Amino acid sequence: MKLIDYVLDAFAWIEYAIGSAMGKFVDRILKNAPCYTPSVVIAELSDKFHRESKFEEWDVLFRFIKNRSTVVPLDEILADQSGKQKHLLRKMEEKDVDMSQIGLADAIIYQTTLNLKGTLVTGDDHFKSVPFVVFLKDEKQLTNELEEI
């Protein structure tokens, strides 16, 4: 068994919260490996839950995130690196994905992953073929990853 550090994005946390099949994989990661959540993911999740008037659900999930993962703050070094990373990601040529539309939050999340030498857990289509990513929508990749943790 190899121990990998995982970075969870908003997609992963939402799947966990709704208890989907992909969320069950996230649960297994949370129980068996070090996990990190970039602070920008907290902002994304807070926005989503508040838009949907799910205040109590957000309070519970927010406490859980802080308890089960390490929240990684956005400092000036990570911010600078993330601006550069957005530019690099947008230059990538991926089949079936328009990387020119990738946002700054995604770049921050991915740069956080690279800085931690971890693996990003996401279902965001922008990251379908990007290195150091477990793509939650790829059942074969999930099966292989589960064998490792």
N, C-alpha and C. Protein backbone atom coordinates (compact mmCIF):
# COMPACT_ATOMS: atom_id res chain seq x y z
N MET A 1 0.85 -1.19 0.00
CA MET A 1 0.00 0.00 0.00
C MET A 1 0.89 1.24 0.00
N LYS A 2 0.67 2.12 -0.98
CA LYS A 2 1.42 3.37 -0.98
C LYS A 2 0.53 4.46 -0.41
N LEU A 3 1.14 5.36 0.34
CA LEU A 3 0.40 6.45 0.95
C LEU A 3 0.55 7.69 0.09
N ILE A 4 -0.56 8.19 -0.43
CA ILE A 4 -0.58 9.36 -1.29
C ILE A 4 -1.33 10.46 -0.57
N ASP A 5 -0.88 11.68 -0.75
CA ASP A 5 -1.63 12.83 -0.26
C ASP A 5 -2.64 13.21 -1.34
N TYR A 6 -3.89 13.37 -0.95
CA TYR A 6 -4.95 13.71 -1.89
C TYR A 6 -5.46 15.12 -1.63
N VAL A 7 -5.72 15.83 -2.70
CA VAL A 7 -6.32 17.16 -2.64
C VAL A 7 -7.73 17.04 -3.18
N LEU A 8 -8.70 17.44 -2.38
CA LEU A 8 -10.11 17.31 -2.76
C LEU A 8 -10.65 18.65 -3.23
N ASP A 9 -11.29 18.64 -4.39
CA ASP A 9 -11.91 19.86 -4.88
C ASP A 9 -13.40 19.86 -4.53
N ALA A 10 -14.10 20.89 -4.95
CA ALA A 10 -15.52 21.02 -4.61
C ALA A 10 -16.33 19.87 -5.19
N PHE A 11 -16.00 19.43 -6.40
CA PHE A 11 -16.71 18.30 -7.01
C PHE A 11 -16.63 17.08 -6.10
N ALA A 12 -15.43 16.78 -5.62
CA ALA A 12 -15.23 15.61 -4.76
C ALA A 12 -16.02 15.74 -3.46
N TRP A 13 -15.99 16.92 -2.84
CA TRP A 13 -16.71 17.11 -1.59
C TRP A 13 -18.23 17.02 -1.78
N ILE A 14 -18.72 17.53 -2.89
CA ILE A 14 -20.17 17.45 -3.15
C ILE A 14 -20.58 15.99 -3.34
N GLU A 15 -19.79 15.24 -4.10
CA GLU A 15 -20.11 13.82 -4.29
C GLU A 15 -20.10 13.09 -2.95
N TYR A 16 -19.14 13.43 -2.09
CA TYR A 16 -19.09 12.83 -0.76
C TYR A 16 -20.36 13.19 0.01
N ALA A 17 -20.75 14.46 -0.03
CA ALA A 17 -21.89 14.94 0.75
C ALA A 17 -23.20 14.28 0.31
N ILE A 18 -23.35 14.01 -0.98
CA ILE A 18 -24.60 13.40 -1.44
C ILE A 18 -24.56 11.88 -1.37
N GLY A 19 -23.39 11.32 -1.05
CA GLY A 19 -23.29 9.88 -0.88
C GLY A 19 -23.35 9.09 -2.17
N SER A 20 -22.90 9.68 -3.26
CA SER A 20 -22.92 8.99 -4.56
C SER A 20 -21.85 7.90 -4.59
N ALA A 21 -21.83 7.14 -5.67
CA ALA A 21 -20.79 6.12 -5.85
C ALA A 21 -19.41 6.77 -5.86
N MET A 22 -19.30 7.92 -6.53
CA MET A 22 -18.02 8.64 -6.52
C MET A 22 -17.70 9.13 -5.12
N GLY A 23 -18.74 9.53 -4.39
CA GLY A 23 -18.56 9.98 -3.01
C GLY A 23 -18.08 8.87 -2.09
N LYS A 24 -18.45 7.63 -2.40
CA LYS A 24 -17.96 6.49 -1.60
C LYS A 24 -16.45 6.33 -1.78
N PHE A 25 -15.96 6.61 -2.98
CA PHE A 25 -14.52 6.58 -3.21
C PHE A 25 -13.84 7.68 -2.38
N VAL A 26 -14.43 8.87 -2.38
CA VAL A 26 -13.88 9.98 -1.59
C VAL A 26 -13.87 9.59 -0.11
N ASP A 27 -14.92 8.94 0.36
CA ASP A 27 -14.99 8.49 1.75
C ASP A 27 -13.83 7.54 2.07
N ARG A 28 -13.55 6.64 1.15
CA ARG A 28 -12.45 5.69 1.37
C ARG A 28 -11.11 6.43 1.45
N ILE A 29 -10.93 7.41 0.60
CA ILE A 29 -9.71 8.22 0.66
C ILE A 29 -9.61 8.91 2.01
N LEU A 30 -10.71 9.54 2.44
CA LEU A 30 -10.71 10.27 3.71
C LEU A 30 -10.35 9.37 4.89
N LYS A 31 -10.72 8.10 4.81
CA LYS A 31 -10.44 7.17 5.89
C LYS A 31 -9.04 6.57 5.84
N ASN A 32 -8.37 6.68 4.69
CA ASN A 32 -7.12 5.93 4.52
C ASN A 32 -5.90 6.73 4.08
N ALA A 33 -6.04 8.03 3.87
CA ALA A 33 -4.91 8.79 3.36
C ALA A 33 -4.99 10.24 3.84
N PRO A 34 -3.84 10.90 3.87
CA PRO A 34 -3.85 12.34 4.19
C PRO A 34 -4.60 13.11 3.10
N CYS A 35 -5.50 14.01 3.52
CA CYS A 35 -6.30 14.78 2.58
C CYS A 35 -6.18 16.27 2.86
N TYR A 36 -6.24 17.03 1.79
CA TYR A 36 -6.11 18.48 1.84
C TYR A 36 -7.25 19.12 1.07
N THR A 37 -7.66 20.29 1.52
CA THR A 37 -8.69 21.06 0.84
C THR A 37 -8.19 22.49 0.68
N PRO A 38 -7.97 22.94 -0.55
CA PRO A 38 -7.56 24.34 -0.76
C PRO A 38 -8.65 25.29 -0.24
N SER A 39 -8.25 26.40 0.34
CA SER A 39 -9.22 27.34 0.91
C SER A 39 -10.20 27.86 -0.13
N VAL A 40 -9.79 27.95 -1.38
CA VAL A 40 -10.71 28.41 -2.42
C VAL A 40 -11.87 27.41 -2.60
N VAL A 41 -11.65 26.15 -2.30
CA VAL A 41 -12.72 25.15 -2.36
C VAL A 41 -13.76 25.44 -1.29
N ILE A 42 -13.32 25.89 -0.13
CA ILE A 42 -14.25 26.29 0.93
C ILE A 42 -15.16 27.40 0.41
N ALA A 43 -14.58 28.37 -0.29
CA ALA A 43 -15.37 29.48 -0.84
C ALA A 43 -16.37 28.97 -1.88
N GLU A 44 -15.92 28.06 -2.75
CA GLU A 44 -16.82 27.50 -3.77
C GLU A 44 -17.99 26.75 -3.13
N LEU A 45 -17.69 25.93 -2.14
CA LEU A 45 -18.73 25.15 -1.48
C LEU A 45 -19.69 26.05 -0.69
N SER A 46 -19.15 27.01 0.03
CA SER A 46 -19.98 27.94 0.79
C SER A 46 -20.94 28.67 -0.15
N ASP A 47 -20.43 29.12 -1.27
CA ASP A 47 -21.26 29.80 -2.25
C ASP A 47 -22.39 28.88 -2.72
N LYS A 48 -22.07 27.66 -3.08
CA LYS A 48 -23.07 26.72 -3.59
C LYS A 48 -24.17 26.44 -2.55
N PHE A 49 -23.74 26.11 -1.34
CA PHE A 49 -24.72 25.77 -0.31
C PHE A 49 -25.58 26.98 0.08
N HIS A 50 -25.00 28.17 0.10
CA HIS A 50 -25.78 29.36 0.43
C HIS A 50 -26.73 29.73 -0.71
N ARG A 51 -26.31 29.58 -1.96
CA ARG A 51 -27.21 29.83 -3.09
C ARG A 51 -28.43 28.92 -3.03
N GLU A 52 -28.20 27.70 -2.55
CA GLU A 52 -29.28 26.71 -2.48
C GLU A 52 -30.01 26.74 -1.12
N SER A 53 -29.68 27.71 -0.29
CA SER A 53 -30.28 27.87 1.05
C SER A 53 -30.13 26.62 1.90
N LYS A 54 -29.00 25.97 1.78
CA LYS A 54 -28.71 24.76 2.58
C LYS A 54 -27.71 25.12 3.68
N PHE A 55 -28.15 26.01 4.57
CA PHE A 55 -27.26 26.56 5.58
C PHE A 55 -26.82 25.52 6.60
N GLU A 56 -27.76 24.73 7.10
CA GLU A 56 -27.41 23.73 8.11
C GLU A 56 -26.51 22.64 7.52
N GLU A 57 -26.83 22.22 6.29
CA GLU A 57 -26.00 21.21 5.63
C GLU A 57 -24.58 21.72 5.45
N TRP A 58 -24.47 23.02 5.10
CA TRP A 58 -23.13 23.60 4.93
C TRP A 58 -22.38 23.62 6.26
N ASP A 59 -23.05 24.01 7.33
CA ASP A 59 -22.37 24.05 8.63
C ASP A 59 -21.81 22.67 8.99
N VAL A 60 -22.58 21.62 8.75
CA VAL A 60 -22.13 20.26 9.06
C VAL A 60 -20.96 19.87 8.17
N LEU A 61 -21.08 20.10 6.86
CA LEU A 61 -20.01 19.73 5.93
C LEU A 61 -18.74 20.54 6.21
N PHE A 62 -18.89 21.82 6.49
CA PHE A 62 -17.73 22.67 6.75
C PHE A 62 -16.96 22.17 7.97
N ARG A 63 -17.67 21.84 9.04
CA ARG A 63 -17.00 21.28 10.22
C ARG A 63 -16.29 19.98 9.87
N PHE A 64 -16.96 19.13 9.09
CA PHE A 64 -16.37 17.85 8.70
C PHE A 64 -15.11 18.06 7.87
N ILE A 65 -15.16 18.97 6.91
CA ILE A 65 -13.98 19.26 6.07
C ILE A 65 -12.81 19.67 6.94
N LYS A 66 -13.06 20.57 7.88
CA LYS A 66 -11.97 21.05 8.75
C LYS A 66 -11.45 19.94 9.66
N ASN A 67 -12.33 19.00 10.02
CA ASN A 67 -11.94 17.90 10.89
C ASN A 67 -11.18 16.80 10.15
N ARG A 68 -11.58 16.51 8.90
CA ARG A 68 -11.04 15.35 8.18
C ARG A 68 -9.99 15.69 7.13
N SER A 69 -9.77 16.98 6.88
CA SER A 69 -8.73 17.35 5.92
C SER A 69 -8.00 18.58 6.44
N THR A 70 -6.86 18.82 5.87
CA THR A 70 -6.10 20.02 6.19
C THR A 70 -6.47 21.08 5.17
N VAL A 71 -6.97 22.21 5.66
CA VAL A 71 -7.31 23.31 4.76
C VAL A 71 -6.04 24.08 4.45
N VAL A 72 -5.76 24.23 3.15
CA VAL A 72 -4.54 24.90 2.70
C VAL A 72 -4.88 26.34 2.33
N PRO A 73 -4.30 27.31 3.05
CA PRO A 73 -4.61 28.71 2.76
C PRO A 73 -3.94 29.19 1.47
N LEU A 74 -4.53 30.20 0.89
CA LEU A 74 -3.96 30.85 -0.28
C LEU A 74 -3.09 31.99 0.20
N ASP A 75 -1.77 31.83 0.05
CA ASP A 75 -0.85 32.90 0.41
C ASP A 75 -0.31 33.54 -0.86
N GLU A 76 0.55 34.53 -0.70
CA GLU A 76 1.02 35.27 -1.88
C GLU A 76 1.87 34.42 -2.81
N ILE A 77 2.60 33.45 -2.30
CA ILE A 77 3.41 32.59 -3.17
C ILE A 77 2.52 31.67 -3.99
N LEU A 78 1.56 31.01 -3.33
CA LEU A 78 0.63 30.14 -4.04
C LEU A 78 -0.19 30.95 -5.04
N ALA A 79 -0.58 32.17 -4.67
CA ALA A 79 -1.35 33.03 -5.58
C ALA A 79 -0.54 33.32 -6.85
N ASP A 80 0.71 33.67 -6.69
CA ASP A 80 1.57 33.95 -7.85
C ASP A 80 1.75 32.70 -8.70
N GLN A 81 2.04 31.58 -8.06
CA GLN A 81 2.21 30.33 -8.81
C GLN A 81 0.93 29.94 -9.55
N SER A 82 -0.22 30.21 -8.94
CA SER A 82 -1.50 29.83 -9.53
C SER A 82 -1.82 30.65 -10.77
N GLY A 83 -1.44 31.92 -10.76
CA GLY A 83 -1.63 32.74 -11.95
C GLY A 83 -0.84 32.18 -13.12
N LYS A 84 0.39 31.77 -12.84
CA LYS A 84 1.22 31.14 -13.88
C LYS A 84 0.63 29.80 -14.30
N GLN A 85 0.13 29.04 -13.33
CA GLN A 85 -0.44 27.72 -13.63
C GLN A 85 -1.67 27.84 -14.52
N LYS A 86 -2.49 28.86 -14.29
CA LYS A 86 -3.67 29.06 -15.14
C LYS A 86 -3.24 29.23 -16.59
N HIS A 87 -2.21 30.02 -16.79
CA HIS A 87 -1.69 30.25 -18.14
C HIS A 87 -1.21 28.93 -18.75
N LEU A 88 -0.49 28.12 -17.97
CA LEU A 88 0.01 26.83 -18.48
C LEU A 88 -1.14 25.87 -18.79
N LEU A 89 -2.11 25.79 -17.91
CA LEU A 89 -3.25 24.90 -18.13
C LEU A 89 -4.03 25.30 -19.38
N ARG A 90 -4.19 26.60 -19.58
CA ARG A 90 -4.94 27.06 -20.74
C ARG A 90 -4.22 26.75 -22.05
N LYS A 91 -2.90 26.58 -21.98
CA LYS A 91 -2.14 26.26 -23.18
C LYS A 91 -2.14 24.77 -23.50
N MET A 92 -2.59 23.95 -22.54
CA MET A 92 -2.61 22.51 -22.76
C MET A 92 -3.64 22.17 -23.83
N GLU A 93 -3.30 21.20 -24.63
CA GLU A 93 -4.24 20.72 -25.64
C GLU A 93 -4.78 19.38 -25.18
N GLU A 94 -6.06 19.37 -24.83
CA GLU A 94 -6.73 18.16 -24.38
C GLU A 94 -7.85 17.82 -25.35
N LYS A 95 -7.94 16.57 -25.72
CA LYS A 95 -9.05 16.17 -26.59
C LYS A 95 -10.35 16.25 -25.81
N ASP A 96 -11.38 16.73 -26.46
CA ASP A 96 -12.73 16.82 -25.91
C ASP A 96 -12.90 17.82 -24.78
N VAL A 97 -11.86 18.61 -24.46
CA VAL A 97 -11.97 19.58 -23.37
C VAL A 97 -11.38 20.91 -23.84
N ASP A 98 -12.14 21.98 -23.63
CA ASP A 98 -11.66 23.31 -23.99
C ASP A 98 -10.92 23.89 -22.79
N MET A 99 -9.61 23.71 -22.77
CA MET A 99 -8.79 24.17 -21.64
C MET A 99 -8.68 25.69 -21.60
N SER A 100 -9.06 26.37 -22.69
CA SER A 100 -8.96 27.84 -22.69
C SER A 100 -9.96 28.47 -21.73
N GLN A 101 -10.90 27.69 -21.23
CA GLN A 101 -11.92 28.22 -20.32
C GLN A 101 -11.66 27.90 -18.85
N ILE A 102 -10.53 27.28 -18.56
CA ILE A 102 -10.25 26.91 -17.17
C ILE A 102 -10.12 28.17 -16.31
N GLY A 103 -10.68 28.13 -15.13
CA GLY A 103 -10.71 29.30 -14.27
C GLY A 103 -9.56 29.37 -13.28
N LEU A 104 -9.47 30.52 -12.65
CA LEU A 104 -8.40 30.75 -11.68
C LEU A 104 -8.55 29.83 -10.46
N ALA A 105 -9.78 29.58 -10.01
CA ALA A 105 -9.96 28.69 -8.86
C ALA A 105 -9.41 27.30 -9.17
N ASP A 106 -9.67 26.80 -10.38
CA ASP A 106 -9.12 25.50 -10.77
C ASP A 106 -7.60 25.52 -10.79
N ALA A 107 -7.02 26.60 -11.24
CA ALA A 107 -5.56 26.72 -11.27
C ALA A 107 -4.99 26.73 -9.84
N ILE A 108 -5.69 27.39 -8.93
CA ILE A 108 -5.24 27.41 -7.52
C ILE A 108 -5.29 26.00 -6.95
N ILE A 109 -6.37 25.30 -7.22
CA ILE A 109 -6.53 23.93 -6.71
C ILE A 109 -5.44 23.02 -7.28
N TYR A 110 -5.20 23.13 -8.57
CA TYR A 110 -4.19 22.28 -9.20
C TYR A 110 -2.78 22.64 -8.71
N GLN A 111 -2.49 23.93 -8.58
CA GLN A 111 -1.17 24.33 -8.09
C GLN A 111 -0.96 23.87 -6.65
N THR A 112 -2.01 23.91 -5.85
CA THR A 112 -1.92 23.39 -4.48
C THR A 112 -1.54 21.91 -4.52
N THR A 113 -2.16 21.17 -5.42
CA THR A 113 -1.85 19.75 -5.59
C THR A 113 -0.38 19.55 -5.94
N LEU A 114 0.10 20.32 -6.89
CA LEU A 114 1.50 20.20 -7.31
C LEU A 114 2.45 20.56 -6.17
N ASN A 115 2.14 21.62 -5.44
CA ASN A 115 3.00 22.03 -4.32
C ASN A 115 3.07 20.95 -3.24
N LEU A 116 1.97 20.24 -3.04
CA LEU A 116 1.93 19.18 -2.03
C LEU A 116 2.48 17.85 -2.55
N LYS A 117 2.80 17.82 -3.85
CA LYS A 117 3.22 16.58 -4.51
C LYS A 117 2.15 15.50 -4.30
N GLY A 118 0.90 15.94 -4.43
CA GLY A 118 -0.23 15.07 -4.20
C GLY A 118 -0.96 14.69 -5.47
N THR A 119 -2.17 14.20 -5.27
CA THR A 119 -3.05 13.80 -6.36
C THR A 119 -4.38 14.50 -6.16
N LEU A 120 -4.84 15.18 -7.20
CA LEU A 120 -6.12 15.88 -7.15
C LEU A 120 -7.25 14.89 -7.38
N VAL A 121 -8.28 14.97 -6.55
CA VAL A 121 -9.48 14.14 -6.71
C VAL A 121 -10.59 15.06 -7.20
N THR A 122 -11.08 14.79 -8.41
CA THR A 122 -12.06 15.66 -9.03
C THR A 122 -12.87 14.92 -10.09
N GLY A 123 -13.96 15.50 -10.46
CA GLY A 123 -14.73 15.02 -11.61
C GLY A 123 -14.89 16.14 -12.62
N ASP A 124 -14.19 17.24 -12.38
CA ASP A 124 -14.23 18.40 -13.26
C ASP A 124 -13.61 18.02 -14.61
N ASP A 125 -14.38 18.15 -15.68
CA ASP A 125 -13.93 17.72 -17.00
C ASP A 125 -12.64 18.39 -17.45
N HIS A 126 -12.33 19.58 -16.94
CA HIS A 126 -11.07 20.22 -17.31
C HIS A 126 -9.86 19.35 -16.97
N PHE A 127 -10.01 18.52 -15.95
CA PHE A 127 -8.88 17.74 -15.45
C PHE A 127 -8.90 16.29 -15.90
N LYS A 128 -9.72 15.98 -16.87
CA LYS A 128 -9.91 14.59 -17.32
C LYS A 128 -8.59 13.90 -17.67
N SER A 129 -7.68 14.59 -18.32
CA SER A 129 -6.42 13.96 -18.78
C SER A 129 -5.18 14.65 -18.24
N VAL A 130 -5.33 15.45 -17.21
CA VAL A 130 -4.21 16.18 -16.64
C VAL A 130 -3.45 15.27 -15.67
N PRO A 131 -2.12 15.36 -15.64
CA PRO A 131 -1.35 14.51 -14.71
C PRO A 131 -1.67 14.80 -13.25
N PHE A 132 -1.45 13.80 -12.41
CA PHE A 132 -1.62 13.89 -10.96
C PHE A 132 -3.08 14.13 -10.56
N VAL A 133 -3.98 13.48 -11.31
CA VAL A 133 -5.41 13.62 -11.06
C VAL A 133 -6.06 12.24 -11.02
N VAL A 134 -6.91 12.03 -10.03
CA VAL A 134 -7.84 10.90 -10.03
C VAL A 134 -9.15 11.47 -10.52
N PHE A 135 -9.58 11.02 -11.69
CA PHE A 135 -10.80 11.54 -12.30
C PHE A 135 -11.96 10.66 -11.87
N LEU A 136 -12.84 11.21 -11.05
CA LEU A 136 -13.91 10.44 -10.42
C LEU A 136 -14.89 9.81 -11.40
N LYS A 137 -14.96 10.33 -12.61
CA LYS A 137 -15.90 9.78 -13.59
C LYS A 137 -15.31 8.60 -14.36
N ASP A 138 -14.06 8.25 -14.07
CA ASP A 138 -13.37 7.15 -14.77
C ASP A 138 -13.35 5.93 -13.85
N GLU A 139 -14.28 5.02 -14.05
CA GLU A 139 -14.41 3.85 -13.17
C GLU A 139 -13.15 2.99 -13.16
N LYS A 140 -12.50 2.83 -14.29
CA LYS A 140 -11.28 2.02 -14.35
C LYS A 140 -10.18 2.65 -13.49
N GLN A 141 -10.03 3.97 -13.60
CA GLN A 141 -9.01 4.64 -12.80
C GLN A 141 -9.33 4.53 -11.31
N LEU A 142 -10.61 4.65 -10.96
CA LEU A 142 -10.99 4.53 -9.55
C LEU A 142 -10.68 3.14 -9.01
N THR A 143 -10.96 2.12 -9.80
CA THR A 143 -10.67 0.75 -9.39
C THR A 143 -9.18 0.57 -9.14
N ASN A 144 -8.37 1.07 -10.04
CA ASN A 144 -6.91 0.98 -9.88
C ASN A 144 -6.45 1.75 -8.65
N GLU A 145 -7.01 2.92 -8.44
CA GLU A 145 -6.62 3.77 -7.30
C GLU A 145 -7.01 3.10 -5.99
N LEU A 146 -8.19 2.49 -5.95
CA LEU A 146 -8.65 1.82 -4.74
C LEU A 146 -7.71 0.70 -4.32
N GLU A 147 -7.08 0.05 -5.28
CA GLU A 147 -6.14 -1.02 -4.96
C GLU A 147 -4.89 -0.47 -4.28
N GLU A 148 -4.63 0.83 -4.49
CA GLU A 148 -3.42 1.44 -3.94
C GLU A 148 -3.61 1.99 -2.54
N ILE A 149 -4.87 2.27 -2.14
CA ILE A 149 -5.07 2.86 -0.81
C ILE A 149 -5.71 1.89 0.15
